Amino acid sequence: MTQLLEQAIEAARQLTAEEQDELARSILAYATRAEAEPVRLTERDKAAIARAREAAAQGRFATEQDVRAVWAKHGL
């Protein structure tokens, strides 16, 4: 294990149990990604991505207020 990873693990020990579990899920997802099946996009997913790309190309992005509203909606 690298020194940087050791530091990250030590920092993680200071987190709450819930935060540690969330971090652990992220690490496991990252570490095992090579074995995971690719995500199959539906036509609806592809259309949403195309709309998002078009909006970005036009410079249309969510405002900070938009983002905060989404976070609040989901209790974040």
PDB file of N, CA and C in Angstrom:
ATOM      1  N   MET A   1       0.856  -1.165   0.000  1.00  0.00           N
ATOM      2  CA  MET A   1       0.000   0.000   0.000  1.00  0.00           C
ATOM      3  C   MET A   1       0.904   1.230   0.000  1.00  0.00           C
ATOM      4  N   THR A   2       0.543   2.221  -0.816  1.00  0.00           N
ATOM      5  CA  THR A   2       1.367   3.422  -0.902  1.00  0.00           C
ATOM      6  C   THR A   2       1.167   4.311   0.321  1.00  0.00           C
ATOM      7  N   GLN A   3       2.118   5.218   0.521  1.00  0.00           N
ATOM      8  CA  GLN A   3       2.027   6.141   1.653  1.00  0.00           C
ATOM      9  C   GLN A   3       0.800   7.041   1.513  1.00  0.00           C
ATOM     10  N   LEU A   4       0.496   7.462   0.286  1.00  0.00           N
ATOM     11  CA  LEU A   4      -0.669   8.318   0.079  1.00  0.00           C
ATOM     12  C   LEU A   4      -1.957   7.585   0.446  1.00  0.00           C
ATOM     13  N   LEU A   5      -2.053   6.323   0.064  1.00  0.00           N
ATOM     14  CA  LEU A   5      -3.242   5.552   0.420  1.00  0.00           C
ATOM     15  C   LEU A   5      -3.320   5.351   1.931  1.00  0.00           C
ATOM     16  N   GLU A   6      -2.183   5.135   2.562  1.00  0.00           N
ATOM     17  CA  GLU A   6      -2.147   5.022   4.024  1.00  0.00           C
ATOM     18  C   GLU A   6      -2.683   6.305   4.671  1.00  0.00           C
ATOM     19  N   GLN A   7      -2.292   7.470   4.136  1.00  0.00           N
ATOM     20  CA  GLN A   7      -2.770   8.746   4.656  1.00  0.00           C
ATOM     21  C   GLN A   7      -4.281   8.873   4.469  1.00  0.00           C
ATOM     22  N   ALA A   8      -4.757   8.439   3.327  1.00  0.00           N
ATOM     23  CA  ALA A   8      -6.195   8.509   3.056  1.00  0.00           C
ATOM     24  C   ALA A   8      -6.968   7.617   4.017  1.00  0.00           C
ATOM     25  N   ILE A   9      -6.456   6.443   4.290  1.00  0.00           N
ATOM     26  CA  ILE A   9      -7.112   5.515   5.218  1.00  0.00           C
ATOM     27  C   ILE A   9      -7.138   6.121   6.615  1.00  0.00           C
ATOM     28  N   GLU A  10      -6.035   6.741   7.022  1.00  0.00           N
ATOM     29  CA  GLU A  10      -5.988   7.383   8.336  1.00  0.00           C
ATOM     30  C   GLU A  10      -7.006   8.514   8.420  1.00  0.00           C
ATOM     31  N   ALA A  11      -7.114   9.296   7.367  1.00  0.00           N
ATOM     32  CA  ALA A  11      -8.112  10.377   7.344  1.00  0.00           C
ATOM     33  C   ALA A  11      -9.523   9.806   7.401  1.00  0.00           C
ATOM     34  N   ALA A  12      -9.737   8.685   6.736  1.00  0.00           N
ATOM     35  CA  ALA A  12     -11.059   8.054   6.728  1.00  0.00           C
ATOM     36  C   ALA A  12     -11.462   7.578   8.119  1.00  0.00           C
ATOM     37  N   ARG A  13     -10.505   7.229   8.928  1.00  0.00           N
ATOM     38  CA  ARG A  13     -10.806   6.788  10.298  1.00  0.00           C
ATOM     39  C   ARG A  13     -11.474   7.888  11.123  1.00  0.00           C
ATOM     40  N   GLN A  14     -11.300   9.130  10.707  1.00  0.00           N
ATOM     41  CA  GLN A  14     -11.887  10.262  11.428  1.00  0.00           C
ATOM     42  C   GLN A  14     -13.343  10.516  11.021  1.00  0.00           C
ATOM     43  N   LEU A  15     -13.798   9.853   9.987  1.00  0.00           N
ATOM     44  CA  LEU A  15     -15.159  10.047   9.490  1.00  0.00           C
ATOM     45  C   LEU A  15     -16.167   9.274  10.332  1.00  0.00           C
ATOM     46  N   THR A  16     -17.423   9.646  10.207  1.00  0.00           N
ATOM     47  CA  THR A  16     -18.480   8.892  10.888  1.00  0.00           C
ATOM     48  C   THR A  16     -18.610   7.524  10.228  1.00  0.00           C
ATOM     49  N   ALA A  17     -19.280   6.612  10.897  1.00  0.00           N
ATOM     50  CA  ALA A  17     -19.476   5.264  10.339  1.00  0.00           C
ATOM     51  C   ALA A  17     -20.210   5.343   8.999  1.00  0.00           C
ATOM     52  N   GLU A  18     -21.204   6.205   8.912  1.00  0.00           N
ATOM     53  CA  GLU A  18     -21.957   6.349   7.660  1.00  0.00           C
ATOM     54  C   GLU A  18     -21.047   6.865   6.540  1.00  0.00           C
ATOM     55  N   GLU A  19     -20.211   7.848   6.852  1.00  0.00           N
ATOM     56  CA  GLU A  19     -19.283   8.387   5.856  1.00  0.00           C
ATOM     57  C   GLU A  19     -18.243   7.350   5.451  1.00  0.00           C
ATOM     58  N   GLN A  20     -17.787   6.555   6.407  1.00  0.00           N
ATOM     59  CA  GLN A  20     -16.825   5.490   6.093  1.00  0.00           C
ATOM     60  C   GLN A  20     -17.443   4.471   5.151  1.00  0.00           C
ATOM     61  N   ASP A  21     -18.702   4.101   5.403  1.00  0.00           N
ATOM     62  CA  ASP A  21     -19.372   3.142   4.524  1.00  0.00           C
ATOM     63  C   ASP A  21     -19.534   3.707   3.117  1.00  0.00           C
ATOM     64  N   GLU A  22     -19.879   4.980   3.021  1.00  0.00           N
ATOM     65  CA  GLU A  22     -20.031   5.619   1.707  1.00  0.00           C
ATOM     66  C   GLU A  22     -18.694   5.616   0.963  1.00  0.00           C
ATOM     67  N   LEU A  23     -17.631   5.956   1.674  1.00  0.00           N
ATOM     68  CA  LEU A  23     -16.299   5.951   1.082  1.00  0.00           C
ATOM     69  C   LEU A  23     -15.905   4.531   0.669  1.00  0.00           C
ATOM     70  N   ALA A  24     -16.193   3.569   1.514  1.00  0.00           N
ATOM     71  CA  ALA A  24     -15.859   2.173   1.205  1.00  0.00           C
ATOM     72  C   ALA A  24     -16.573   1.706  -0.062  1.00  0.00           C
ATOM     73  N   ARG A  25     -17.845   2.080  -0.214  1.00  0.00           N
ATOM     74  CA  ARG A  25     -18.575   1.704  -1.432  1.00  0.00           C
ATOM     75  C   ARG A  25     -17.926   2.321  -2.661  1.00  0.00           C
ATOM     76  N   SER A  26     -17.494   3.567  -2.551  1.00  0.00           N
ATOM     77  CA  SER A  26     -16.836   4.235  -3.672  1.00  0.00           C
ATOM     78  C   SER A  26     -15.520   3.547  -4.023  1.00  0.00           C
ATOM     79  N   ILE A  27     -14.740   3.220  -3.015  1.00  0.00           N
ATOM     80  CA  ILE A  27     -13.460   2.549  -3.246  1.00  0.00           C
ATOM     81  C   ILE A  27     -13.686   1.186  -3.897  1.00  0.00           C
ATOM     82  N   LEU A  28     -14.632   0.433  -3.381  1.00  0.00           N
ATOM     83  CA  LEU A  28     -14.910  -0.882  -3.961  1.00  0.00           C
ATOM     84  C   LEU A  28     -15.383  -0.781  -5.397  1.00  0.00           C
ATOM     85  N   ALA A  29     -16.237   0.193  -5.681  1.00  0.00           N
ATOM     86  CA  ALA A  29     -16.708   0.371  -7.052  1.00  0.00           C
ATOM     87  C   ALA A  29     -15.545   0.705  -7.973  1.00  0.00           C
ATOM     88  N   TYR A  30     -14.648   1.555  -7.514  1.00  0.00           N
ATOM     89  CA  TYR A  30     -13.486   1.934  -8.318  1.00  0.00           C
ATOM     90  C   TYR A  30     -12.536   0.756  -8.499  1.00  0.00           C
ATOM     91  N   ALA A  31     -12.247   0.066  -7.419  1.00  0.00           N
ATOM     92  CA  ALA A  31     -11.261  -1.017  -7.454  1.00  0.00           C
ATOM     93  C   ALA A  31     -11.721  -2.216  -8.264  1.00  0.00           C
ATOM     94  N   THR A  32     -13.022  -2.415  -8.379  1.00  0.00           N
ATOM     95  CA  THR A  32     -13.540  -3.588  -9.085  1.00  0.00           C
ATOM     96  C   THR A  32     -14.146  -3.242 -10.437  1.00  0.00           C
ATOM     97  N   ARG A  33     -13.912  -2.029 -10.911  1.00  0.00           N
ATOM     98  CA  ARG A  33     -14.546  -1.581 -12.151  1.00  0.00           C
ATOM     99  C   ARG A  33     -14.175  -2.426 -13.361  1.00  0.00           C
ATOM    100  N   ALA A  34     -12.997  -3.007 -13.384  1.00  0.00           N
ATOM    101  CA  ALA A  34     -12.581  -3.809 -14.534  1.00  0.00           C
ATOM    102  C   ALA A  34     -13.456  -5.046 -14.688  1.00  0.00           C
ATOM    103  N   GLU A  35     -14.018  -5.523 -13.591  1.00  0.00           N
ATOM    104  CA  GLU A  35     -14.842  -6.725 -13.629  1.00  0.00           C
ATOM    105  C   GLU A  35     -16.319  -6.423 -13.873  1.00  0.00           C
ATOM    106  N   ALA A  36     -16.687  -5.162 -13.772  1.00  0.00           N
ATOM    107  CA  ALA A  36     -18.087  -4.785 -13.885  1.00  0.00           C
ATOM    108  C   ALA A  36     -18.544  -4.820 -15.340  1.00  0.00           C
ATOM    109  N   GLU A  37     -19.800  -5.140 -15.507  1.00  0.00           N
ATOM    110  CA  GLU A  37     -20.406  -5.114 -16.834  1.00  0.00           C
ATOM    111  C   GLU A  37     -20.563  -3.660 -17.279  1.00  0.00           C
ATOM    112  N   PRO A  38     -20.384  -3.388 -18.556  1.00  0.00           N
ATOM    113  CA  PRO A  38     -20.606  -2.018 -19.025  1.00  0.00           C
ATOM    114  C   PRO A  38     -22.080  -1.641 -18.869  1.00  0.00           C
ATOM    115  N   VAL A  39     -22.320  -0.380 -18.635  1.00  0.00           N
ATOM    116  CA  VAL A  39     -23.689   0.104 -18.494  1.00  0.00           C
ATOM    117  C   VAL A  39     -24.299   0.223 -19.879  1.00  0.00           C
ATOM    118  N   ARG A  40     -25.456  -0.354 -20.057  1.00  0.00           N
ATOM    119  CA  ARG A  40     -26.160  -0.281 -21.336  1.00  0.00           C
ATOM    120  C   ARG A  40     -27.096   0.919 -21.299  1.00  0.00           C
ATOM    121  N   LEU A  41     -26.898   1.843 -22.212  1.00  0.00           N
ATOM    122  CA  LEU A  41     -27.737   3.023 -22.253  1.00  0.00           C
ATOM    123  C   LEU A  41     -29.010   2.749 -23.039  1.00  0.00           C
ATOM    124  N   THR A  42     -30.109   3.242 -22.509  1.00  0.00           N
ATOM    125  CA  THR A  42     -31.378   3.145 -23.223  1.00  0.00           C
ATOM    126  C   THR A  42     -31.446   4.288 -24.231  1.00  0.00           C
ATOM    127  N   GLU A  43     -32.429   4.230 -25.110  1.00  0.00           N
ATOM    128  CA  GLU A  43     -32.619   5.330 -26.051  1.00  0.00           C
ATOM    129  C   GLU A  43     -32.927   6.618 -25.298  1.00  0.00           C
ATOM    130  N   ARG A  44     -33.658   6.507 -24.201  1.00  0.00           N
ATOM    131  CA  ARG A  44     -33.967   7.674 -23.374  1.00  0.00           C
ATOM    132  C   ARG A  44     -32.683   8.272 -22.794  1.00  0.00           C
ATOM    133  N   ASP A  45     -31.777   7.402 -22.309  1.00  0.00           N
ATOM    134  CA  ASP A  45     -30.491   7.862 -21.781  1.00  0.00           C
ATOM    135  C   ASP A  45     -29.693   8.590 -22.865  1.00  0.00           C
ATOM    136  N   LYS A  46     -29.649   7.992 -24.052  1.00  0.00           N
ATOM    137  CA  LYS A  46     -28.890   8.579 -25.153  1.00  0.00           C
ATOM    138  C   LYS A  46     -29.456   9.944 -25.545  1.00  0.00           C
ATOM    139  N   ALA A  47     -30.772  10.062 -25.543  1.00  0.00           N
ATOM    140  CA  ALA A  47     -31.411  11.335 -25.879  1.00  0.00           C
ATOM    141  C   ALA A  47     -31.082  12.391 -24.814  1.00  0.00           C
ATOM    142  N   ALA A  48     -31.089  11.992 -23.544  1.00  0.00           N
ATOM    143  CA  ALA A  48     -30.767  12.925 -22.459  1.00  0.00           C
ATOM    144  C   ALA A  48     -29.326  13.401 -22.570  1.00  0.00           C
ATOM    145  N   ILE A  49     -28.429  12.512 -22.922  1.00  0.00           N
ATOM    146  CA  ILE A  49     -27.024  12.885 -23.099  1.00  0.00           C
ATOM    147  C   ILE A  49     -26.881  13.852 -24.268  1.00  0.00           C
ATOM    148  N   ALA A  50     -27.587  13.586 -25.350  1.00  0.00           N
ATOM    149  CA  ALA A  50     -27.527  14.474 -26.513  1.00  0.00           C
ATOM    150  C   ALA A  50     -28.045  15.869 -26.156  1.00  0.00           C
ATOM    151  N   ARG A  51     -29.144  15.926 -25.383  1.00  0.00           N
ATOM    152  CA  ARG A  51     -29.685  17.228 -24.959  1.00  0.00           C
ATOM    153  C   ARG A  51     -28.686  17.964 -24.069  1.00  0.00           C
ATOM    154  N   ALA A  52     -28.042  17.235 -23.164  1.00  0.00           N
ATOM    155  CA  ALA A  52     -27.069  17.847 -22.261  1.00  0.00           C
ATOM    156  C   ALA A  52     -25.859  18.375 -23.040  1.00  0.00           C
ATOM    157  N   ARG A  53     -25.413  17.630 -24.014  1.00  0.00           N
ATOM    158  CA  ARG A  53     -24.278  18.075 -24.827  1.00  0.00           C
ATOM    159  C   ARG A  53     -24.637  19.330 -25.617  1.00  0.00           C
ATOM    160  N   GLU A  54     -25.834  19.354 -26.155  1.00  0.00           N
ATOM    161  CA  GLU A  54     -26.288  20.518 -26.915  1.00  0.00           C
ATOM    162  C   GLU A  54     -26.370  21.742 -26.006  1.00  0.00           C
ATOM    163  N   ALA A  55     -26.915  21.564 -24.808  1.00  0.00           N
ATOM    164  CA  ALA A  55     -27.013  22.673 -23.857  1.00  0.00           C
ATOM    165  C   ALA A  55     -25.621  23.188 -23.496  1.00  0.00           C
ATOM    166  N   ALA A  56     -24.694  22.277 -23.278  1.00  0.00           N
ATOM    167  CA  ALA A  56     -23.326  22.679 -22.944  1.00  0.00           C
ATOM    168  C   ALA A  56     -22.678  23.421 -24.107  1.00  0.00           C
ATOM    169  N   ALA A  57     -22.919  22.943 -25.315  1.00  0.00           N
ATOM    170  CA  ALA A  57     -22.354  23.605 -26.493  1.00  0.00           C
ATOM    171  C   ALA A  57     -22.882  25.028 -26.632  1.00  0.00           C
ATOM    172  N   GLN A  58     -24.103  25.253 -26.145  1.00  0.00           N
ATOM    173  CA  GLN A  58     -24.712  26.582 -26.201  1.00  0.00           C
ATOM    174  C   GLN A  58     -24.382  27.412 -24.954  1.00  0.00           C
ATOM    175  N   GLY A  59     -23.607  26.843 -24.055  1.00  0.00           N
ATOM    176  CA  GLY A  59     -23.218  27.563 -22.845  1.00  0.00           C
ATOM    177  C   GLY A  59     -24.297  27.608 -21.778  1.00  0.00           C
ATOM    178  N   ARG A  60     -25.273  26.714 -21.885  1.00  0.00           N
ATOM    179  CA  ARG A  60     -26.352  26.681 -20.898  1.00  0.00           C
ATOM    180  C   ARG A  60     -26.000  25.661 -19.813  1.00  0.00           C
ATOM    181  N   PHE A  61     -25.719  26.174 -18.604  1.00  0.00           N
ATOM    182  CA  PHE A  61     -25.363  25.331 -17.478  1.00  0.00           C
ATOM    183  C   PHE A  61     -26.255  25.662 -16.295  1.00  0.00           C
ATOM    184  N   ALA A  62     -26.349  24.745 -15.357  1.00  0.00           N
ATOM    185  CA  ALA A  62     -27.120  24.988 -14.140  1.00  0.00           C
ATOM    186  C   ALA A  62     -26.454  26.098 -13.338  1.00  0.00           C
ATOM    187  N   THR A  63     -27.287  26.953 -12.769  1.00  0.00           N
ATOM    188  CA  THR A  63     -26.760  27.997 -11.890  1.00  0.00           C
ATOM    189  C   THR A  63     -26.483  27.382 -10.523  1.00  0.00           C
ATOM    190  N   GLU A  64     -25.772  28.132  -9.706  1.00  0.00           N
ATOM    191  CA  GLU A  64     -25.517  27.658  -8.340  1.00  0.00           C
ATOM    192  C   GLU A  64     -26.848  27.449  -7.610  1.00  0.00           C
ATOM    193  N   GLN A  65     -27.804  28.340  -7.864  1.00  0.00           N
ATOM    194  CA  GLN A  65     -29.125  28.214  -7.236  1.00  0.00           C
ATOM    195  C   GLN A  65     -29.826  26.933  -7.693  1.00  0.00           C
ATOM    196  N   ASP A  66     -29.711  26.587  -8.977  1.00  0.00           N
ATOM    197  CA  ASP A  66     -30.299  25.346  -9.491  1.00  0.00           C
ATOM    198  C   ASP A  66     -29.714  24.132  -8.778  1.00  0.00           C
ATOM    199  N   VAL A  67     -28.399  24.127  -8.632  1.00  0.00           N
ATOM    200  CA  VAL A  67     -27.707  23.003  -7.999  1.00  0.00           C
ATOM    201  C   VAL A  67     -28.123  22.883  -6.533  1.00  0.00           C
ATOM    202  N   ARG A  68     -28.159  24.008  -5.834  1.00  0.00           N
ATOM    203  CA  ARG A  68     -28.573  23.989  -4.428  1.00  0.00           C
ATOM    204  C   ARG A  68     -30.004  23.469  -4.275  1.00  0.00           C
ATOM    205  N   ALA A  69     -30.874  23.816  -5.205  1.00  0.00           N
ATOM    206  CA  ALA A  69     -32.256  23.340  -5.158  1.00  0.00           C
ATOM    207  C   ALA A  69     -32.318  21.816  -5.297  1.00  0.00           C
ATOM    208  N   VAL A  70     -31.506  21.265  -6.175  1.00  0.00           N
ATOM    209  CA  VAL A  70     -31.468  19.808  -6.343  1.00  0.00           C
ATOM    210  C   VAL A  70     -30.932  19.153  -5.077  1.00  0.00           C
ATOM    211  N   TRP A  71     -29.860  19.716  -4.516  1.00  0.00           N
ATOM    212  CA  TRP A  71     -29.302  19.172  -3.277  1.00  0.00           C
ATOM    213  C   TRP A  71     -30.351  19.186  -2.169  1.00  0.00           C
ATOM    214  N   ALA A  72     -31.043  20.311  -2.048  1.00  0.00           N
ATOM    215  CA  ALA A  72     -32.069  20.441  -0.993  1.00  0.00           C
ATOM    216  C   ALA A  72     -33.185  19.417  -1.196  1.00  0.00           C
ATOM    217  N   LYS A  73     -33.552  19.200  -2.439  1.00  0.00           N
ATOM    218  CA  LYS A  73     -34.608  18.229  -2.751  1.00  0.00           C
ATOM    219  C   LYS A  73     -34.247  16.831  -2.277  1.00  0.00           C
ATOM    220  N   HIS A  74     -32.964  16.518  -2.328  1.00  0.00           N
ATOM    221  CA  HIS A  74     -32.481  15.184  -1.943  1.00  0.00           C
ATOM    222  C   HIS A  74     -31.868  15.154  -0.555  1.00  0.00           C
ATOM    223  N   GLY A  75     -32.073  16.216   0.202  1.00  0.00           N
ATOM    224  CA  GLY A  75     -31.620  16.235   1.597  1.00  0.00           C
ATOM    225  C   GLY A  75     -30.126  16.372   1.768  1.00  0.00           C
ATOM    226  N   LEU A  76     -29.461  16.982   0.810  1.00  0.00           N
ATOM    227  CA  LEU A  76     -27.997  17.142   0.893  1.00  0.00           C
ATOM    228  C   LEU A  76     -27.648  18.561   1.262  1.00  0.00           C
TER     229      LEU A  76
END
